């Protein structure tokens, strides 16, 4: 089990790779997207979660695929 060998770093690998700043920068935007979808869809939780997950995934993909590690 990786958690026993590596500790909390096994659960949160992004904190060790220097990308935690990108996660913190994307969080407010993802919350705003979720709030907008919730208002547009009348608070339907499952539909809001489904439609919010697509742009959040795309934003994360764009942010982390463009990062070049040197």
N, C-alpha and C. Protein backbone atom coordinates (compact mmCIF):
# COMPACT_ATOMS: atom_id res chain seq x y z
N UNK A 1 0.84 -1.18 0.00
CA UNK A 1 0.00 0.00 0.00
C UNK A 1 0.88 1.24 0.00
N UNK A 2 0.71 2.09 -1.00
CA UNK A 2 1.57 3.27 -1.11
C UNK A 2 1.44 4.24 0.06
N UNK A 3 0.24 4.31 0.66
CA UNK A 3 0.06 5.28 1.76
C UNK A 3 0.93 4.92 2.95
N UNK A 4 1.16 3.62 3.18
CA UNK A 4 2.00 3.21 4.30
C UNK A 4 3.47 3.49 4.02
N UNK A 5 3.86 3.39 2.77
CA UNK A 5 5.26 3.59 2.42
C UNK A 5 5.61 5.07 2.25
N UNK A 6 4.73 5.83 1.61
CA UNK A 6 5.06 7.21 1.26
C UNK A 6 4.32 8.26 2.09
N UNK A 7 3.30 7.87 2.83
CA UNK A 7 2.57 8.82 3.66
C UNK A 7 1.57 9.63 2.84
N UNK A 8 1.32 10.86 3.29
CA UNK A 8 0.30 11.71 2.67
C UNK A 8 0.67 12.12 1.25
N UNK A 9 1.93 12.07 0.91
CA UNK A 9 2.34 12.46 -0.44
C UNK A 9 1.81 11.50 -1.49
N UNK A 10 1.45 10.29 -1.09
CA UNK A 10 0.86 9.34 -2.03
C UNK A 10 -0.56 9.74 -2.39
N UNK A 11 -1.25 10.41 -1.46
CA UNK A 11 -2.61 10.84 -1.73
C UNK A 11 -2.66 12.12 -2.54
N UNK A 12 -1.69 13.00 -2.32
CA UNK A 12 -1.68 14.29 -3.00
C UNK A 12 -0.38 14.47 -3.76
N UNK A 13 -0.23 13.77 -4.89
CA UNK A 13 1.04 13.86 -5.62
C UNK A 13 1.29 15.23 -6.22
N UNK A 14 0.25 16.02 -6.41
CA UNK A 14 0.44 17.34 -7.03
C UNK A 14 1.17 18.29 -6.12
N UNK A 15 1.10 18.08 -4.81
CA UNK A 15 1.80 18.97 -3.90
C UNK A 15 3.31 18.77 -3.98
N UNK A 16 3.74 17.65 -4.50
CA UNK A 16 5.18 17.40 -4.59
C UNK A 16 5.75 17.74 -5.96
N UNK A 17 4.90 17.91 -6.95
CA UNK A 17 5.43 18.15 -8.29
C UNK A 17 5.43 19.62 -8.68
N UNK A 18 5.07 20.50 -7.79
CA UNK A 18 5.11 21.92 -8.08
C UNK A 18 3.91 22.44 -8.83
N UNK A 19 2.84 21.67 -8.92
CA UNK A 19 1.66 22.11 -9.66
C UNK A 19 0.52 22.54 -8.75
N UNK A 20 0.75 22.60 -7.44
CA UNK A 20 -0.33 22.96 -6.54
C UNK A 20 -0.80 24.40 -6.79
N UNK A 21 0.08 25.26 -7.26
CA UNK A 21 -0.32 26.63 -7.59
C UNK A 21 -1.34 26.67 -8.71
N UNK A 22 -1.20 25.78 -9.68
CA UNK A 22 -2.18 25.72 -10.76
C UNK A 22 -3.53 25.23 -10.26
N UNK A 23 -3.52 24.28 -9.34
CA UNK A 23 -4.78 23.82 -8.76
C UNK A 23 -5.46 24.95 -8.01
N UNK A 24 -4.70 25.71 -7.25
CA UNK A 24 -5.28 26.82 -6.50
C UNK A 24 -5.80 27.91 -7.42
N UNK A 25 -5.17 28.11 -8.55
CA UNK A 25 -5.63 29.12 -9.49
C UNK A 25 -6.90 28.68 -10.22
N UNK A 26 -7.04 27.40 -10.47
CA UNK A 26 -8.23 26.90 -11.18
C UNK A 26 -9.45 26.73 -10.27
N UNK A 27 -9.24 26.59 -8.98
CA UNK A 27 -10.34 26.32 -8.05
C UNK A 27 -11.44 27.39 -8.10
N UNK A 28 -11.14 28.70 -8.00
CA UNK A 28 -12.23 29.69 -8.04
C UNK A 28 -12.99 29.68 -9.37
N UNK A 29 -12.30 29.45 -10.44
CA UNK A 29 -12.97 29.40 -11.74
C UNK A 29 -13.89 28.19 -11.84
N UNK A 30 -13.46 27.07 -11.31
CA UNK A 30 -14.29 25.86 -11.32
C UNK A 30 -15.52 26.04 -10.45
N UNK A 31 -15.37 26.69 -9.32
CA UNK A 31 -16.52 26.96 -8.44
C UNK A 31 -17.49 27.89 -9.14
N UNK A 32 -17.00 28.90 -9.81
CA UNK A 32 -17.86 29.84 -10.53
C UNK A 32 -18.61 29.13 -11.65
N UNK A 33 -17.96 28.25 -12.35
CA UNK A 33 -18.63 27.47 -13.40
C UNK A 33 -19.75 26.63 -12.80
N UNK A 34 -19.49 26.01 -11.66
CA UNK A 34 -20.50 25.20 -11.00
C UNK A 34 -21.69 26.02 -10.54
N UNK A 35 -21.45 27.21 -10.02
CA UNK A 35 -22.54 28.08 -9.57
C UNK A 35 -23.39 28.53 -10.75
N UNK A 36 -22.75 28.88 -11.84
CA UNK A 36 -23.49 29.32 -13.03
C UNK A 36 -24.36 28.19 -13.58
N UNK A 37 -23.79 26.99 -13.69
CA UNK A 37 -24.58 25.86 -14.17
C UNK A 37 -25.73 25.54 -13.21
N UNK A 38 -25.49 25.66 -11.91
CA UNK A 38 -26.53 25.38 -10.94
C UNK A 38 -27.69 26.37 -11.08
N UNK A 39 -27.36 27.63 -11.30
CA UNK A 39 -28.41 28.63 -11.47
C UNK A 39 -29.17 28.41 -12.78
N UNK A 40 -28.46 28.08 -13.84
CA UNK A 40 -29.11 27.87 -15.13
C UNK A 40 -30.00 26.63 -15.14
N UNK A 41 -29.61 25.61 -14.37
CA UNK A 41 -30.34 24.35 -14.38
C UNK A 41 -31.34 24.22 -13.23
N UNK A 42 -31.52 25.28 -12.47
CA UNK A 42 -32.51 25.26 -11.40
C UNK A 42 -32.12 24.42 -10.20
N UNK A 43 -30.85 24.22 -9.97
CA UNK A 43 -30.38 23.50 -8.79
C UNK A 43 -30.45 21.99 -8.90
N UNK A 44 -30.58 21.44 -10.09
CA UNK A 44 -30.60 19.99 -10.26
C UNK A 44 -29.17 19.47 -10.08
N UNK A 45 -28.96 18.79 -8.95
CA UNK A 45 -27.60 18.44 -8.53
C UNK A 45 -26.88 17.53 -9.51
N UNK A 46 -27.51 16.44 -9.93
CA UNK A 46 -26.82 15.48 -10.79
C UNK A 46 -26.50 16.06 -12.16
N UNK A 47 -27.43 16.82 -12.71
CA UNK A 47 -27.19 17.43 -14.01
C UNK A 47 -26.12 18.52 -13.91
N UNK A 48 -26.16 19.28 -12.82
CA UNK A 48 -25.14 20.31 -12.60
C UNK A 48 -23.76 19.67 -12.47
N UNK A 49 -23.66 18.60 -11.69
CA UNK A 49 -22.37 17.93 -11.51
C UNK A 49 -21.86 17.35 -12.83
N UNK A 50 -22.76 16.80 -13.61
CA UNK A 50 -22.36 16.23 -14.89
C UNK A 50 -21.87 17.31 -15.85
N UNK A 51 -22.61 18.39 -15.96
CA UNK A 51 -22.22 19.45 -16.90
C UNK A 51 -21.04 20.27 -16.40
N UNK A 52 -20.84 20.33 -15.10
CA UNK A 52 -19.70 21.07 -14.55
C UNK A 52 -18.40 20.28 -14.72
N UNK A 53 -18.50 18.96 -14.67
CA UNK A 53 -17.28 18.15 -14.74
C UNK A 53 -16.58 18.28 -16.09
N UNK A 54 -17.32 18.47 -17.15
CA UNK A 54 -16.69 18.57 -18.47
C UNK A 54 -15.81 19.82 -18.60
N UNK A 55 -16.30 21.04 -18.31
CA UNK A 55 -15.39 22.19 -18.43
C UNK A 55 -14.26 22.18 -17.40
N UNK A 56 -14.52 21.64 -16.22
CA UNK A 56 -13.45 21.55 -15.21
C UNK A 56 -12.35 20.61 -15.70
N UNK A 57 -12.73 19.48 -16.26
CA UNK A 57 -11.75 18.56 -16.82
C UNK A 57 -10.97 19.23 -17.96
N UNK A 58 -11.68 19.93 -18.83
CA UNK A 58 -11.01 20.58 -19.96
C UNK A 58 -10.04 21.67 -19.49
N UNK A 59 -10.45 22.47 -18.50
CA UNK A 59 -9.56 23.50 -17.97
C UNK A 59 -8.31 22.88 -17.35
N UNK A 60 -8.50 21.81 -16.59
CA UNK A 60 -7.35 21.15 -15.99
C UNK A 60 -6.44 20.56 -17.05
N UNK A 61 -7.04 19.96 -18.06
CA UNK A 61 -6.25 19.37 -19.15
C UNK A 61 -5.43 20.45 -19.86
N UNK A 62 -6.06 21.57 -20.16
CA UNK A 62 -5.34 22.64 -20.84
C UNK A 62 -4.23 23.22 -19.98
N UNK A 63 -4.50 23.39 -18.70
CA UNK A 63 -3.49 23.99 -17.82
C UNK A 63 -2.28 23.08 -17.65
N UNK A 64 -2.50 21.78 -17.50
CA UNK A 64 -1.40 20.89 -17.20
C UNK A 64 -0.74 20.30 -18.43
N UNK A 65 -1.41 20.32 -19.56
CA UNK A 65 -0.77 19.81 -20.76
C UNK A 65 0.18 20.84 -21.36
N UNK A 66 0.00 22.10 -21.05
CA UNK A 66 0.85 23.15 -21.59
C UNK A 66 2.10 23.38 -20.75
N UNK A 67 2.12 22.84 -19.56
CA UNK A 67 3.26 23.06 -18.67
C UNK A 67 4.44 22.21 -19.10
N UNK A 68 5.58 22.84 -19.29
CA UNK A 68 6.78 22.13 -19.69
C UNK A 68 7.70 22.01 -18.49
N UNK A 69 8.08 20.80 -18.17
CA UNK A 69 8.97 20.55 -17.04
C UNK A 69 10.40 20.54 -17.56
N UNK A 70 11.26 21.28 -16.91
CA UNK A 70 12.66 21.34 -17.34
C UNK A 70 13.56 20.75 -16.31
